[in-house]
Amino acid sequence: MDKILIGKGNTENYILLNKMNRHGLISGATGTGKTVTLFVY
């Protein structure tokens, strides 16, 4: 299944591409690529 890595700590966290029609939240500091991430995916 296709997925996008969204976070990594003790475990890796992914968004499954077949769930991308759902609502989501992208947060981060200024200049971290939030808008670019939305445009790319």
N, C-alpha and C. Protein backbone atom coordinates (compact mmCIF):
# COMPACT_ATOMS: atom_id res chain seq x y z
N MET A 1 0.85 -1.17 0.00
CA MET A 1 0.00 0.00 0.00
C MET A 1 0.90 1.24 0.00
N ASP A 2 0.55 2.22 -0.80
CA ASP A 2 1.34 3.45 -0.86
C ASP A 2 1.08 4.30 0.37
N LYS A 3 2.15 4.91 0.88
CA LYS A 3 2.02 5.72 2.09
C LYS A 3 3.08 6.81 2.09
N ILE A 4 2.85 7.85 2.92
CA ILE A 4 3.77 8.96 3.06
C ILE A 4 4.23 9.00 4.51
N LEU A 5 5.52 9.04 4.73
CA LEU A 5 6.06 9.17 6.09
C LEU A 5 5.80 10.57 6.60
N ILE A 6 5.13 10.69 7.74
CA ILE A 6 4.81 12.02 8.30
C ILE A 6 5.53 12.29 9.61
N GLY A 7 6.13 11.28 10.21
CA GLY A 7 6.82 11.51 11.47
C GLY A 7 7.64 10.30 11.86
N LYS A 8 8.68 10.56 12.62
CA LYS A 8 9.57 9.47 13.00
C LYS A 8 10.08 9.76 14.41
N GLY A 9 9.91 8.84 15.30
CA GLY A 9 10.41 8.91 16.66
C GLY A 9 10.79 7.50 17.05
N ASN A 10 10.15 6.99 18.09
CA ASN A 10 10.33 5.58 18.44
C ASN A 10 9.72 4.68 17.38
N THR A 11 8.68 5.19 16.71
CA THR A 11 8.05 4.46 15.61
C THR A 11 7.87 5.42 14.44
N GLU A 12 7.70 4.88 13.25
CA GLU A 12 7.45 5.70 12.07
C GLU A 12 5.94 5.86 11.90
N ASN A 13 5.50 7.05 11.53
CA ASN A 13 4.08 7.34 11.33
C ASN A 13 3.84 7.69 9.87
N TYR A 14 2.79 7.11 9.30
CA TYR A 14 2.50 7.28 7.89
C TYR A 14 1.06 7.73 7.67
N ILE A 15 0.83 8.41 6.55
CA ILE A 15 -0.52 8.65 6.03
C ILE A 15 -0.68 7.70 4.85
N LEU A 16 -1.75 6.93 4.86
CA LEU A 16 -2.03 6.03 3.75
C LEU A 16 -2.67 6.82 2.63
N LEU A 17 -2.17 6.67 1.42
CA LEU A 17 -2.66 7.46 0.29
C LEU A 17 -4.12 7.19 -0.04
N ASN A 18 -4.61 6.00 0.27
CA ASN A 18 -6.02 5.72 -0.01
C ASN A 18 -6.94 6.42 0.99
N LYS A 19 -6.38 7.07 2.01
CA LYS A 19 -7.16 7.84 2.98
C LYS A 19 -7.02 9.34 2.77
N MET A 20 -6.36 9.76 1.69
CA MET A 20 -6.07 11.17 1.47
C MET A 20 -7.32 11.99 1.13
N ASN A 21 -8.47 11.37 0.93
CA ASN A 21 -9.69 12.13 0.69
C ASN A 21 -10.34 12.56 2.00
N ARG A 22 -9.72 12.23 3.10
CA ARG A 22 -10.22 12.59 4.42
C ARG A 22 -9.62 13.92 4.87
N HIS A 23 -10.14 14.47 5.93
CA HIS A 23 -9.59 15.69 6.51
C HIS A 23 -8.27 15.38 7.21
N GLY A 24 -7.40 16.36 7.26
CA GLY A 24 -6.13 16.19 7.94
C GLY A 24 -5.65 17.52 8.48
N LEU A 25 -4.62 17.47 9.26
CA LEU A 25 -4.02 18.67 9.84
C LEU A 25 -2.53 18.63 9.59
N ILE A 26 -2.01 19.68 9.00
CA ILE A 26 -0.57 19.82 8.81
C ILE A 26 -0.14 21.02 9.64
N SER A 27 0.72 20.79 10.61
CA SER A 27 1.17 21.88 11.46
C SER A 27 2.69 21.94 11.46
N GLY A 28 3.21 23.09 11.79
CA GLY A 28 4.65 23.28 11.85
C GLY A 28 5.00 24.75 11.91
N ALA A 29 6.23 25.01 12.20
CA ALA A 29 6.72 26.39 12.31
C ALA A 29 6.79 27.04 10.93
N THR A 30 6.91 28.34 10.92
CA THR A 30 7.06 29.09 9.67
C THR A 30 8.28 28.60 8.91
N GLY A 31 8.09 28.37 7.61
CA GLY A 31 9.20 27.97 6.75
C GLY A 31 9.53 26.49 6.75
N THR A 32 8.64 25.65 7.29
CA THR A 32 8.93 24.22 7.35
C THR A 32 8.34 23.42 6.20
N GLY A 33 7.62 24.08 5.26
CA GLY A 33 7.14 23.39 4.07
C GLY A 33 5.71 22.90 4.12
N LYS A 34 4.89 23.46 4.98
CA LYS A 34 3.50 23.02 5.07
C LYS A 34 2.75 23.23 3.75
N THR A 35 2.83 24.41 3.19
CA THR A 35 2.14 24.71 1.94
C THR A 35 2.70 23.90 0.79
N VAL A 36 4.00 23.75 0.73
CA VAL A 36 4.63 22.95 -0.32
C VAL A 36 4.14 21.51 -0.24
N THR A 37 4.01 20.97 0.96
CA THR A 37 3.51 19.61 1.13
C THR A 37 2.11 19.48 0.55
N LEU A 38 1.25 20.45 0.79
CA LEU A 38 -0.11 20.41 0.24
C LEU A 38 -0.11 20.47 -1.28
N PHE A 39 0.75 21.29 -1.86
CA PHE A 39 0.81 21.41 -3.31
C PHE A 39 1.35 20.15 -3.96
N VAL A 40 2.30 19.48 -3.33
CA VAL A 40 2.93 18.29 -3.91
C VAL A 40 1.98 17.11 -3.88
N TYR A 41 1.22 16.93 -2.81
CA TYR A 41 0.36 15.77 -2.66
C TYR A 41 -1.06 16.14 -2.93
